Amino acid sequence: CISIDRKKRRSASVPLTLDINLFEDRDEDSRQVDMLH
């Protein structure tokens, strides 16, 4: 994973996504876990 991550960072691109999940769980715990990740 580290090797692949290094290769990916060398050739970083910005992905374009339009898929937004409006029903995604956004409670305080989820935000904390998301922030930590």
All heavy atoms as atom14 arrays in JSON, in Angstrom:
{
  "sequence": "CISIDRKKRRSASVPLTLDINLFEDRDEDSRQVDMLH",
  "atom14_mask": [
    [1, 1, 1, 1, 1, 1, 0, 0, 0, 0, 0, 0, 0, 0],
    [1, 1, 1, 1, 1, 1, 1, 1, 0, 0, 0, 0, 0, 0],
    [1, 1, 1, 1, 1, 1, 0, 0, 0, 0, 0, 0, 0, 0],
    [1, 1, 1, 1, 1, 1, 1, 1, 0, 0, 0, 0, 0, 0],
    [1, 1, 1, 1, 1, 1, 1, 1, 0, 0, 0, 0, 0, 0],
    [1, 1, 1, 1, 1, 1, 1, 1, 1, 1, 1, 0, 0, 0],
    [1, 1, 1, 1, 1, 1, 1, 1, 1, 0, 0, 0, 0, 0],
    [1, 1, 1, 1, 1, 1, 1, 1, 1, 0, 0, 0, 0, 0],
    [1, 1, 1, 1, 1, 1, 1, 1, 1, 1, 1, 0, 0, 0],
    [1, 1, 1, 1, 1, 1, 1, 1, 1, 1, 1, 0, 0, 0],
    [1, 1, 1, 1, 1, 1, 0, 0, 0, 0, 0, 0, 0, 0],
    [1, 1, 1, 1, 1, 0, 0, 0, 0, 0, 0, 0, 0, 0],
    [1, 1, 1, 1, 1, 1, 0, 0, 0, 0, 0, 0, 0, 0],
    [1, 1, 1, 1, 1, 1, 1, 0, 0, 0, 0, 0, 0, 0],
    [1, 1, 1, 1, 1, 1, 1, 0, 0, 0, 0, 0, 0, 0],
    [1, 1, 1, 1, 1, 1, 1, 1, 0, 0, 0, 0, 0, 0],
    [1, 1, 1, 1, 1, 1, 1, 0, 0, 0, 0, 0, 0, 0],
    [1, 1, 1, 1, 1, 1, 1, 1, 0, 0, 0, 0, 0, 0],
    [1, 1, 1, 1, 1, 1, 1, 1, 0, 0, 0, 0, 0, 0],
    [1, 1, 1, 1, 1, 1, 1, 1, 0, 0, 0, 0, 0, 0],
    [1, 1, 1, 1, 1, 1, 1, 1, 0, 0, 0, 0, 0, 0],
    [1, 1, 1, 1, 1, 1, 1, 1, 0, 0, 0, 0, 0, 0],
    [1, 1, 1, 1, 1, 1, 1, 1, 1, 1, 1, 0, 0, 0],
    [1, 1, 1, 1, 1, 1, 1, 1, 1, 0, 0, 0, 0, 0],
    [1, 1, 1, 1, 1, 1, 1, 1, 0, 0, 0, 0, 0, 0],
    [1, 1, 1, 1, 1, 1, 1, 1, 1, 1, 1, 0, 0, 0],
    [1, 1, 1, 1, 1, 1, 1, 1, 0, 0, 0, 0, 0, 0],
    [1, 1, 1, 1, 1, 1, 1, 1, 1, 0, 0, 0, 0, 0],
    [1, 1, 1, 1, 1, 1, 1, 1, 0, 0, 0, 0, 0, 0],
    [1, 1, 1, 1, 1, 1, 0, 0, 0, 0, 0, 0, 0, 0],
    [1, 1, 1, 1, 1, 1, 1, 1, 1, 1, 1, 0, 0, 0],
    [1, 1, 1, 1, 1, 1, 1, 1, 1, 0, 0, 0, 0, 0],
    [1, 1, 1, 1, 1, 1, 1, 0, 0, 0, 0, 0, 0, 0],
    [1, 1, 1, 1, 1, 1, 1, 1, 0, 0, 0, 0, 0, 0],
    [1, 1, 1, 1, 1, 1, 1, 1, 0, 0, 0, 0, 0, 0],
    [1, 1, 1, 1, 1, 1, 1, 1, 0, 0, 0, 0, 0, 0],
    [1, 1, 1, 1, 1, 1, 1, 1, 1, 1, 0, 0, 0, 0]
  ],
  "atom14_positions": [
    [[0.82, -1.21, 0.0], [0.0, 0.0, 0.0], [0.86, 1.27, 0.0], [0.54, 2.24, -0.68], [-0.95, 0.0, 1.19], [-2.25, -1.24, 1.04], [0.0, 0.0, 0.0], [0.0, 0.0, 0.0], [0.0, 0.0, 0.0], [0.0, 0.0, 0.0], [0.0, 0.0, 0.0], [0.0, 0.0, 0.0], [0.0, 0.0, 0.0], [0.0, 0.0, 0.0]],
    [[1.95, 1.24, 0.74], [2.85, 2.41, 0.77], [3.46, 2.63, -0.61], [3.52, 3.77, -1.1], [3.93, 2.23, 1.86], [3.31, 2.41, 3.25], [5.08, 3.24, 1.65], [4.22, 2.02, 4.4], [0.0, 0.0, 0.0], [0.0, 0.0, 0.0], [0.0, 0.0, 0.0], [0.0, 0.0, 0.0], [0.0, 0.0, 0.0], [0.0, 0.0, 0.0]],
    [[3.9, 1.57, -1.25], [4.49, 1.71, -2.6], [3.48, 2.27, -3.6], [3.8, 3.18, -4.37], [4.98, 0.35, -3.1], [6.04, -0.11, -2.32], [0.0, 0.0, 0.0], [0.0, 0.0, 0.0], [0.0, 0.0, 0.0], [0.0, 0.0, 0.0], [0.0, 0.0, 0.0], [0.0, 0.0, 0.0], [0.0, 0.0, 0.0], [0.0, 0.0, 0.0]],
    [[2.28, 1.74, -3.57], [1.24, 2.21, -4.49], [0.87, 3.65, -4.17], [0.67, 4.47, -5.07], [0.01, 1.27, -4.46], [0.4, -0.07, -5.09], [-1.18, 1.89, -5.17], [-0.63, -1.17, -4.92], [0.0, 0.0, 0.0], [0.0, 0.0, 0.0], [0.0, 0.0, 0.0], [0.0, 0.0, 0.0], [0.0, 0.0, 0.0], [0.0, 0.0, 0.0]],
    [[0.8, 3.98, -2.87], [0.47, 5.34, -2.46], [1.53, 6.33, -2.96], [1.19, 7.41, -3.43], [0.36, 5.4, -0.94], [-0.13, 6.75, -0.45], [-1.29, 7.1, -0.75], [0.64, 7.47, 0.24], [0.0, 0.0, 0.0], [0.0, 0.0, 0.0], [0.0, 0.0, 0.0], [0.0, 0.0, 0.0], [0.0, 0.0, 0.0], [0.0, 0.0, 0.0]],
    [[2.79, 5.96, -2.88], [3.87, 6.84, -3.36], [3.76, 7.06, -4.86], [3.91, 8.18, -5.34], [5.23, 6.23, -3.03], [5.61, 6.41, -1.6], [7.01, 5.88, -1.33], [7.33, 6.02, 0.07], [8.05, 5.15, 0.76], [8.55, 4.08, 0.17], [8.29, 5.36, 2.04], [0.0, 0.0, 0.0], [0.0, 0.0, 0.0], [0.0, 0.0, 0.0]],
    [[3.5, 5.99, -5.6], [3.34, 6.12, -7.06], [2.16, 7.03, -7.38], [2.22, 7.87, -8.27], [3.13, 4.75, -7.7], [4.37, 3.89, -7.74], [4.04, 2.53, -8.33], [5.18, 1.57, -8.11], [4.82, 0.19, -8.49], [0.0, 0.0, 0.0], [0.0, 0.0, 0.0], [0.0, 0.0, 0.0], [0.0, 0.0, 0.0], [0.0, 0.0, 0.0]],
    [[1.06, 6.82, -6.63], [-0.16, 7.6, -6.85], [0.09, 9.08, -6.57], [-0.37, 9.95, -7.31], [-1.27, 7.06, -5.95], [-2.61, 7.73, -6.14], [-3.67, 7.05, -5.3], [-3.49, 7.41, -3.85], [-4.52, 6.87, -2.98], [0.0, 0.0, 0.0], [0.0, 0.0, 0.0], [0.0, 0.0, 0.0], [0.0, 0.0, 0.0], [0.0, 0.0, 0.0]],
    [[0.84, 9.39, -5.51], [1.09, 10.79, -5.16], [2.0, 11.46, -6.19], [1.9, 12.66, -6.4], [1.7, 10.89, -3.77], [0.68, 10.63, -2.68], [1.34, 10.65, -1.31], [0.42, 10.17, -0.3], [-0.19, 10.96, 0.57], [0.03, 12.25, 0.57], [-1.01, 10.45, 1.47], [0.0, 0.0, 0.0], [0.0, 0.0, 0.0], [0.0, 0.0, 0.0]],
    [[2.91, 10.69, -6.8], [3.8, 11.25, -7.83], [2.99, 11.67, -9.05], [3.31, 12.65, -9.7], [4.87, 10.25, -8.23], [6.06, 10.31, -7.32], [7.2, 9.47, -7.87], [7.65, 8.62, -6.79], [7.75, 7.31, -6.83], [7.48, 6.66, -7.93], [8.14, 6.63, -5.79], [0.0, 0.0, 0.0], [0.0, 0.0, 0.0], [0.0, 0.0, 0.0]],
    [[1.99, 10.91, -9.38], [1.18, 11.23, -10.56], [-0.25, 11.56, -10.14], [-1.21, 11.03, -10.68], [1.19, 10.05, -11.53], [0.62, 8.92, -10.92], [0.0, 0.0, 0.0], [0.0, 0.0, 0.0], [0.0, 0.0, 0.0], [0.0, 0.0, 0.0], [0.0, 0.0, 0.0], [0.0, 0.0, 0.0], [0.0, 0.0, 0.0], [0.0, 0.0, 0.0]],
    [[-0.36, 12.44, -9.16], [-1.67, 12.78, -8.6], [-2.54, 13.49, -9.62], [-2.08, 14.35, -10.36], [-1.5, 13.64, -7.36], [0.0, 0.0, 0.0], [0.0, 0.0, 0.0], [0.0, 0.0, 0.0], [0.0, 0.0, 0.0], [0.0, 0.0, 0.0], [0.0, 0.0, 0.0], [0.0, 0.0, 0.0], [0.0, 0.0, 0.0], [0.0, 0.0, 0.0]],
    [[-3.79, 13.11, -9.66], [-4.78, 13.78, -10.49], [-6.0, 14.05, -9.64], [-6.21, 13.43, -8.61], [-5.16, 12.9, -11.69], [-5.75, 11.72, -11.24], [0.0, 0.0, 0.0], [0.0, 0.0, 0.0], [0.0, 0.0, 0.0], [0.0, 0.0, 0.0], [0.0, 0.0, 0.0], [0.0, 0.0, 0.0], [0.0, 0.0, 0.0], [0.0, 0.0, 0.0]],
    [[-6.79, 14.99, -10.06], [-7.99, 15.34, -9.31], [-9.17, 14.62, -9.94], [-9.53, 14.88, -11.09], [-8.24, 16.87, -9.34], [-9.5, 17.23, -8.59], [-7.03, 17.59, -8.78], [0.0, 0.0, 0.0], [0.0, 0.0, 0.0], [0.0, 0.0, 0.0], [0.0, 0.0, 0.0], [0.0, 0.0, 0.0], [0.0, 0.0, 0.0], [0.0, 0.0, 0.0]],
    [[-9.78, 13.67, -9.21], [-10.93, 12.96, -9.78], [-12.17, 13.84, -9.79], [-12.39, 14.63, -8.87], [-11.11, 11.78, -8.83], [-10.54, 12.24, -7.53], [-9.45, 13.22, -7.87], [0.0, 0.0, 0.0], [0.0, 0.0, 0.0], [0.0, 0.0, 0.0], [0.0, 0.0, 0.0], [0.0, 0.0, 0.0], [0.0, 0.0, 0.0], [0.0, 0.0, 0.0]],
    [[-12.95, 13.73, -10.82], [-14.19, 14.48, -10.94], [-15.33, 13.53, -10.61], [-15.53, 12.53, -11.3], [-14.34, 15.02, -12.36], [-15.62, 15.79, -12.65], [-15.71, 17.04, -11.77], [-15.68, 16.17, -14.11], [0.0, 0.0, 0.0], [0.0, 0.0, 0.0], [0.0, 0.0, 0.0], [0.0, 0.0, 0.0], [0.0, 0.0, 0.0], [0.0, 0.0, 0.0]],
    [[-16.05, 13.82, -9.53], [-17.18, 12.98, -9.17], [-18.41, 13.85, -8.99], [-18.35, 14.95, -8.44], [-16.93, 12.21, -7.87], [-16.68, 13.14, -6.83], [-15.77, 11.25, -7.98], [0.0, 0.0, 0.0], [0.0, 0.0, 0.0], [0.0, 0.0, 0.0], [0.0, 0.0, 0.0], [0.0, 0.0, 0.0], [0.0, 0.0, 0.0], [0.0, 0.0, 0.0]],
    [[-19.51, 13.34, -9.43], [-20.77, 14.04, -9.29], [-21.76, 13.26, -8.45], [-22.91, 13.65, -8.31], [-21.38, 14.31, -10.67], [-20.54, 15.19, -11.59], [-21.18, 15.27, -12.96], [-20.4, 16.57, -11.0], [0.0, 0.0, 0.0], [0.0, 0.0, 0.0], [0.0, 0.0, 0.0], [0.0, 0.0, 0.0], [0.0, 0.0, 0.0], [0.0, 0.0, 0.0]],
    [[-21.3, 12.14, -7.89], [-22.2, 11.31, -7.12], [-22.18, 11.72, -5.65], [-21.22, 11.5, -4.95], [-21.87, 9.83, -7.29], [-20.4, 9.53, -7.06], [-19.56, 10.42, -7.31], [-20.1, 8.42, -6.61], [0.0, 0.0, 0.0], [0.0, 0.0, 0.0], [0.0, 0.0, 0.0], [0.0, 0.0, 0.0], [0.0, 0.0, 0.0], [0.0, 0.0, 0.0]],
    [[-23.23, 12.34, -5.22], [-23.36, 12.8, -3.84], [-24.48, 12.01, -3.19], [-25.58, 11.89, -3.74], [-23.68, 14.31, -3.79], [-22.56, 15.1, -4.42], [-23.94, 14.75, -2.36], [-22.89, 16.56, -4.63], [0.0, 0.0, 0.0], [0.0, 0.0, 0.0], [0.0, 0.0, 0.0], [0.0, 0.0, 0.0], [0.0, 0.0, 0.0], [0.0, 0.0, 0.0]],
    [[-24.19, 11.45, -2.03], [-25.2, 10.67, -1.32], [-25.87, 11.58, -0.29], [-25.29, 11.88, 0.75], [-24.53, 9.47, -0.64], [-25.55, 8.58, 0.04], [-26.74, 8.9, 0.1], [-25.07, 7.47, 0.57], [0.0, 0.0, 0.0], [0.0, 0.0, 0.0], [0.0, 0.0, 0.0], [0.0, 0.0, 0.0], [0.0, 0.0, 0.0], [0.0, 0.0, 0.0]],
    [[-27.08, 11.99, -0.58], [-27.8, 12.89, 0.33], [-28.27, 12.18, 1.59], [-28.64, 12.82, 2.57], [-28.99, 13.51, -0.38], [-28.65, 14.39, -1.59], [-29.92, 14.83, -2.29], [-27.81, 15.57, -1.17], [0.0, 0.0, 0.0], [0.0, 0.0, 0.0], [0.0, 0.0, 0.0], [0.0, 0.0, 0.0], [0.0, 0.0, 0.0], [0.0, 0.0, 0.0]],
    [[-28.26, 10.85, 1.58], [-28.73, 10.09, 2.73], [-27.58, 9.58, 3.59], [-27.77, 8.77, 4.48], [-29.58, 8.9, 2.25], [-30.75, 9.34, 1.44], [-30.74, 9.25, 0.06], [-31.87, 9.88, 2.06], [-31.81, 9.67, -0.69], [-32.95, 10.3, 1.31], [-32.93, 10.21, -0.07], [0.0, 0.0, 0.0], [0.0, 0.0, 0.0], [0.0, 0.0, 0.0]],
    [[-26.38, 10.07, 3.32], [-25.2, 9.63, 4.05], [-25.34, 10.02, 5.53], [-25.82, 11.09, 5.86], [-23.97, 10.31, 3.44], [-22.68, 9.67, 3.81], [-21.55, 10.27, 3.0], [-21.37, 9.86, 1.85], [-20.86, 11.14, 3.55], [0.0, 0.0, 0.0], [0.0, 0.0, 0.0], [0.0, 0.0, 0.0], [0.0, 0.0, 0.0], [0.0, 0.0, 0.0]],
    [[-24.88, 9.13, 6.38], [-24.94, 9.34, 7.82], [-23.99, 10.47, 8.2], [-22.79, 10.37, 8.0], [-24.57, 8.05, 8.55], [-24.82, 8.14, 10.04], [-25.53, 9.07, 10.47], [-24.3, 7.28, 10.76], [0.0, 0.0, 0.0], [0.0, 0.0, 0.0], [0.0, 0.0, 0.0], [0.0, 0.0, 0.0], [0.0, 0.0, 0.0], [0.0, 0.0, 0.0]],
    [[-24.49, 11.54, 8.75], [-23.67, 12.69, 9.09], [-23.85, 13.1, 10.55], [-23.86, 14.27, 10.86], [-24.03, 13.87, 8.19], [-23.5, 13.7, 6.79], [-22.02, 14.0, 6.78], [-21.35, 13.03, 5.95], [-20.09, 12.65, 6.09], [-19.36, 13.13, 7.03], [-19.56, 11.78, 5.29], [0.0, 0.0, 0.0], [0.0, 0.0, 0.0], [0.0, 0.0, 0.0]],
    [[-23.97, 12.14, 11.44], [-24.06, 12.49, 12.85], [-22.68, 12.87, 13.37], [-21.68, 12.81, 12.66], [-24.68, 11.35, 13.67], [-23.81, 10.1, 13.69], [-22.73, 10.1, 13.08], [-24.22, 9.12, 14.32], [0.0, 0.0, 0.0], [0.0, 0.0, 0.0], [0.0, 0.0, 0.0], [0.0, 0.0, 0.0], [0.0, 0.0, 0.0], [0.0, 0.0, 0.0]],
    [[-22.59, 13.3, 14.6], [-21.33, 13.79, 15.18], [-20.24, 12.72, 15.16], [-19.09, 13.01, 14.83], [-21.57, 14.3, 16.61], [-20.36, 14.97, 17.23], [-19.84, 16.18, 16.46], [-20.63, 16.87, 15.79], [-18.62, 16.42, 16.51], [0.0, 0.0, 0.0], [0.0, 0.0, 0.0], [0.0, 0.0, 0.0], [0.0, 0.0, 0.0], [0.0, 0.0, 0.0]],
    [[-20.58, 11.48, 15.5], [-19.59, 10.41, 15.49], [-19.03, 10.19, 14.09], [-17.83, 10.01, 13.91], [-20.2, 9.09, 16.0], [-20.44, 9.12, 17.51], [-19.85, 9.99, 18.19], [-21.21, 8.27, 17.99], [0.0, 0.0, 0.0], [0.0, 0.0, 0.0], [0.0, 0.0, 0.0], [0.0, 0.0, 0.0], [0.0, 0.0, 0.0], [0.0, 0.0, 0.0]],
    [[-19.9, 10.2, 13.09], [-19.45, 10.01, 11.71], [-18.51, 11.13, 11.29], [-17.5, 10.9, 10.63], [-20.63, 9.98, 10.75], [-21.43, 8.86, 11.0], [0.0, 0.0, 0.0], [0.0, 0.0, 0.0], [0.0, 0.0, 0.0], [0.0, 0.0, 0.0], [0.0, 0.0, 0.0], [0.0, 0.0, 0.0], [0.0, 0.0, 0.0], [0.0, 0.0, 0.0]],
    [[-18.84, 12.36, 11.69], [-17.97, 13.49, 11.35], [-16.62, 13.36, 12.03], [-15.58, 13.64, 11.44], [-18.64, 14.81, 11.72], [-19.71, 15.23, 10.73], [-20.11, 16.68, 10.92], [-20.83, 16.92, 12.16], [-22.13, 16.74, 12.33], [-22.87, 16.3, 11.35], [-22.71, 16.99, 13.48], [0.0, 0.0, 0.0], [0.0, 0.0, 0.0], [0.0, 0.0, 0.0]],
    [[-16.62, 12.89, 13.29], [-15.36, 12.7, 14.01], [-14.5, 11.65, 13.32], [-13.3, 11.85, 13.13], [-15.64, 12.27, 15.46], [-16.26, 13.34, 16.33], [-15.22, 14.34, 16.81], [-14.07, 14.02, 16.98], [-15.67, 15.56, 17.03], [0.0, 0.0, 0.0], [0.0, 0.0, 0.0], [0.0, 0.0, 0.0], [0.0, 0.0, 0.0], [0.0, 0.0, 0.0]],
    [[-15.1, 10.52, 12.97], [-14.36, 9.44, 12.31], [-13.84, 9.92, 10.96], [-12.69, 9.66, 10.59], [-15.25, 8.18, 12.15], [-14.62, 7.16, 11.23], [-15.55, 7.58, 13.51], [0.0, 0.0, 0.0], [0.0, 0.0, 0.0], [0.0, 0.0, 0.0], [0.0, 0.0, 0.0], [0.0, 0.0, 0.0], [0.0, 0.0, 0.0], [0.0, 0.0, 0.0]],
    [[-14.68, 10.63, 10.23], [-14.3, 11.17, 8.93], [-13.12, 12.13, 9.06], [-12.15, 12.06, 8.29], [-15.51, 11.89, 8.31], [-15.54, 11.79, 6.82], [-15.0, 10.81, 6.28], [-16.11, 12.7, 6.19], [0.0, 0.0, 0.0], [0.0, 0.0, 0.0], [0.0, 0.0, 0.0], [0.0, 0.0, 0.0], [0.0, 0.0, 0.0], [0.0, 0.0, 0.0]],
    [[-13.2, 13.01, 10.05], [-12.12, 13.97, 10.28], [-10.82, 13.26, 10.63], [-9.75, 13.59, 10.12], [-12.51, 14.95, 11.4], [-11.46, 16.02, 11.66], [-11.93, 17.15, 12.98], [-11.83, 16.08, 14.4], [0.0, 0.0, 0.0], [0.0, 0.0, 0.0], [0.0, 0.0, 0.0], [0.0, 0.0, 0.0], [0.0, 0.0, 0.0], [0.0, 0.0, 0.0]],
    [[-10.91, 12.26, 11.51], [-9.73, 11.5, 11.9], [-9.12, 10.79, 10.69], [-7.91, 10.83, 10.48], [-10.07, 10.49, 12.99], [-8.9, 9.64, 13.5], [-7.82, 10.53, 14.1], [-9.39, 8.64, 14.54], [0.0, 0.0, 0.0], [0.0, 0.0, 0.0], [0.0, 0.0, 0.0], [0.0, 0.0, 0.0], [0.0, 0.0, 0.0], [0.0, 0.0, 0.0]],
    [[-9.96, 10.16, 9.88], [-9.46, 9.47, 8.69], [-8.76, 10.45, 7.75], [-7.69, 10.15, 7.2], [-10.59, 8.75, 7.97], [-10.1, 7.86, 6.88], [-9.87, 8.32, 5.61], [-9.77, 6.55, 6.88], [-9.42, 7.33, 4.86], [-9.35, 6.24, 5.61], [0.0, 0.0, 0.0], [0.0, 0.0, 0.0], [0.0, 0.0, 0.0], [0.0, 0.0, 0.0]]
  ]
}
